[in-house]
Amino acid sequence: MVDSSDDEFRTATDRGREVMEREPRAVSASYDRETGRITVELANDCTFIFPAHLAEELHGADDEALSGVEVDGAGFNLHWPAIDADLDVPALVSGVFGTRAWMANLERVLA
């Protein structure tokens, strides 16, 4: 007889494997002081680049703080220890750079 906890574990493991394969994950990240952009190398061999000032959590941070970007959380998170900021990689790749209010204001500014 198979224990239901074994089935649950297998289901959770399968779901986790799917997420690891499907969702964008960072393998490295860096900040370019000259352009003010964050470059994220993804596990699928793609590169995602965005201006740091677009991200709500990074707005107003100086070059030194932005240069300290780290990949965290199996590649699903970017972390800046100097300013205690975190950005979700799948959200960034989807174009989400902050809260709804931030995004609404960003859309007005960029229009």
Protein backbone atom coordinates (compact mmCIF):
# COMPACT_ATOMS: atom_id res chain seq x y z
CA MET A 1 0.00 0.00 0.00
CA VAL A 2 1.29 3.47 -0.92
CA ASP A 3 1.22 6.05 1.82
CA SER A 4 -0.64 9.23 0.83
CA SER A 5 2.34 11.27 2.07
CA ASP A 6 4.49 9.47 -0.53
CA ASP A 7 2.02 10.48 -3.25
CA GLU A 8 1.99 14.06 -1.98
CA PHE A 9 5.77 14.13 -1.93
CA ARG A 10 5.98 12.83 -5.52
CA THR A 11 3.38 15.37 -6.66
CA ALA A 12 5.23 18.22 -4.96
CA THR A 13 8.55 17.05 -6.40
CA ASP A 14 7.07 16.89 -9.91
CA ARG A 15 5.60 20.39 -9.50
CA GLY A 16 8.93 21.72 -8.27
CA ARG A 17 10.75 20.16 -11.22
CA GLU A 18 8.28 21.80 -13.63
CA VAL A 19 8.80 25.21 -12.03
CA MET A 20 12.59 24.83 -12.23
CA GLU A 21 12.35 24.03 -15.94
CA ARG A 22 9.63 26.51 -16.93
CA GLU A 23 10.19 29.68 -14.91
CA PRO A 24 13.03 32.08 -15.72
CA ARG A 25 15.93 31.70 -13.28
CA ALA A 26 19.10 33.73 -12.98
CA VAL A 27 22.53 32.14 -13.02
CA SER A 28 24.35 35.47 -12.67
CA ALA A 29 23.63 39.18 -12.42
CA SER A 30 25.70 42.34 -12.63
CA TYR A 31 25.33 46.10 -12.66
CA ASP A 32 26.89 48.30 -15.35
CA ARG A 33 27.76 51.71 -13.87
CA GLU A 34 28.13 53.32 -17.30
CA THR A 35 24.65 52.42 -18.54
CA GLY A 36 22.84 52.13 -15.19
CA ARG A 37 21.52 48.73 -16.21
CA ILE A 38 21.25 45.37 -14.50
CA THR A 39 22.17 42.38 -16.67
CA VAL A 40 20.71 39.01 -15.71
CA GLU A 41 22.02 35.84 -17.36
CA LEU A 42 19.24 33.26 -17.30
CA ALA A 43 19.45 29.48 -16.98
CA ASN A 44 17.94 29.09 -20.47
CA ASP A 45 20.95 30.90 -22.04
CA CYS A 46 18.96 34.12 -22.54
CA THR A 47 19.98 37.51 -21.16
CA PHE A 48 17.60 40.03 -19.59
CA ILE A 49 18.74 43.65 -19.19
CA PHE A 50 16.81 46.46 -17.52
CA PRO A 51 17.54 50.00 -16.30
CA ALA A 52 17.93 49.88 -12.52
CA HIS A 53 15.85 53.04 -12.02
CA LEU A 54 12.75 51.24 -13.37
CA ALA A 55 12.66 48.92 -10.35
CA GLU A 56 10.85 50.35 -7.35
CA GLU A 57 13.10 48.58 -4.84
CA LEU A 58 16.23 49.99 -6.53
CA HIS A 59 15.01 53.53 -7.17
CA GLY A 60 17.47 56.02 -5.71
CA ALA A 61 20.18 53.45 -4.90
CA ASP A 62 23.75 54.48 -5.64
CA ASP A 63 26.19 52.69 -7.93
CA GLU A 64 28.02 51.01 -5.07
CA ALA A 65 24.83 49.47 -3.66
CA LEU A 66 23.62 48.40 -7.10
CA SER A 67 26.96 46.74 -7.86
CA GLY A 68 26.40 44.35 -4.95
CA VAL A 69 23.66 42.36 -6.69
CA GLU A 70 23.53 38.66 -5.81
CA VAL A 71 21.56 35.74 -7.23
CA ASP A 72 19.54 34.06 -4.51
CA GLY A 73 16.75 31.53 -4.06
CA ALA A 74 17.76 28.95 -6.71
CA GLY A 75 17.95 31.80 -9.23
CA PHE A 76 14.41 33.09 -8.69
CA ASN A 77 15.55 36.13 -6.71
CA LEU A 78 18.02 38.99 -7.07
CA HIS A 79 19.23 40.47 -3.79
CA TRP A 80 21.07 43.70 -2.95
CA PRO A 81 22.41 43.34 0.63
CA ALA A 82 23.50 46.98 0.97
CA ILE A 83 19.93 48.23 0.57
CA ASP A 84 18.08 45.06 1.66
CA ALA A 85 16.25 44.90 -1.67
CA ASP A 86 14.92 41.82 -3.43
CA LEU A 87 13.46 41.41 -6.91
CA ASP A 88 11.66 38.36 -8.27
CA VAL A 89 13.27 37.19 -11.54
CA PRO A 90 10.10 35.78 -13.17
CA ALA A 91 8.26 39.03 -12.38
CA LEU A 92 11.07 41.15 -13.82
CA VAL A 93 11.17 39.14 -17.04
CA SER A 94 7.39 39.63 -17.24
CA GLY A 95 7.89 43.40 -16.98
CA VAL A 96 6.80 43.86 -13.36
CA PHE A 97 9.14 46.35 -11.70
CA GLY A 98 7.17 47.20 -8.56
CA THR A 99 3.76 47.60 -6.98
CA ARG A 100 0.65 48.38 -9.00
CA ALA A 101 0.91 52.04 -8.03
CA TRP A 102 4.58 52.13 -9.08
CA MET A 103 3.79 50.44 -12.39
CA ALA A 104 0.88 52.81 -13.11
CA ASN A 105 3.14 55.81 -12.48
CA LEU A 106 5.92 54.22 -14.55
CA GLU A 107 3.53 53.77 -17.47
CA ARG A 108 2.58 57.47 -17.30
CA VAL A 109 6.22 58.55 -17.14
CA LEU A 110 7.30 56.32 -20.04
CA ALA A 111 4.33 57.23 -22.27
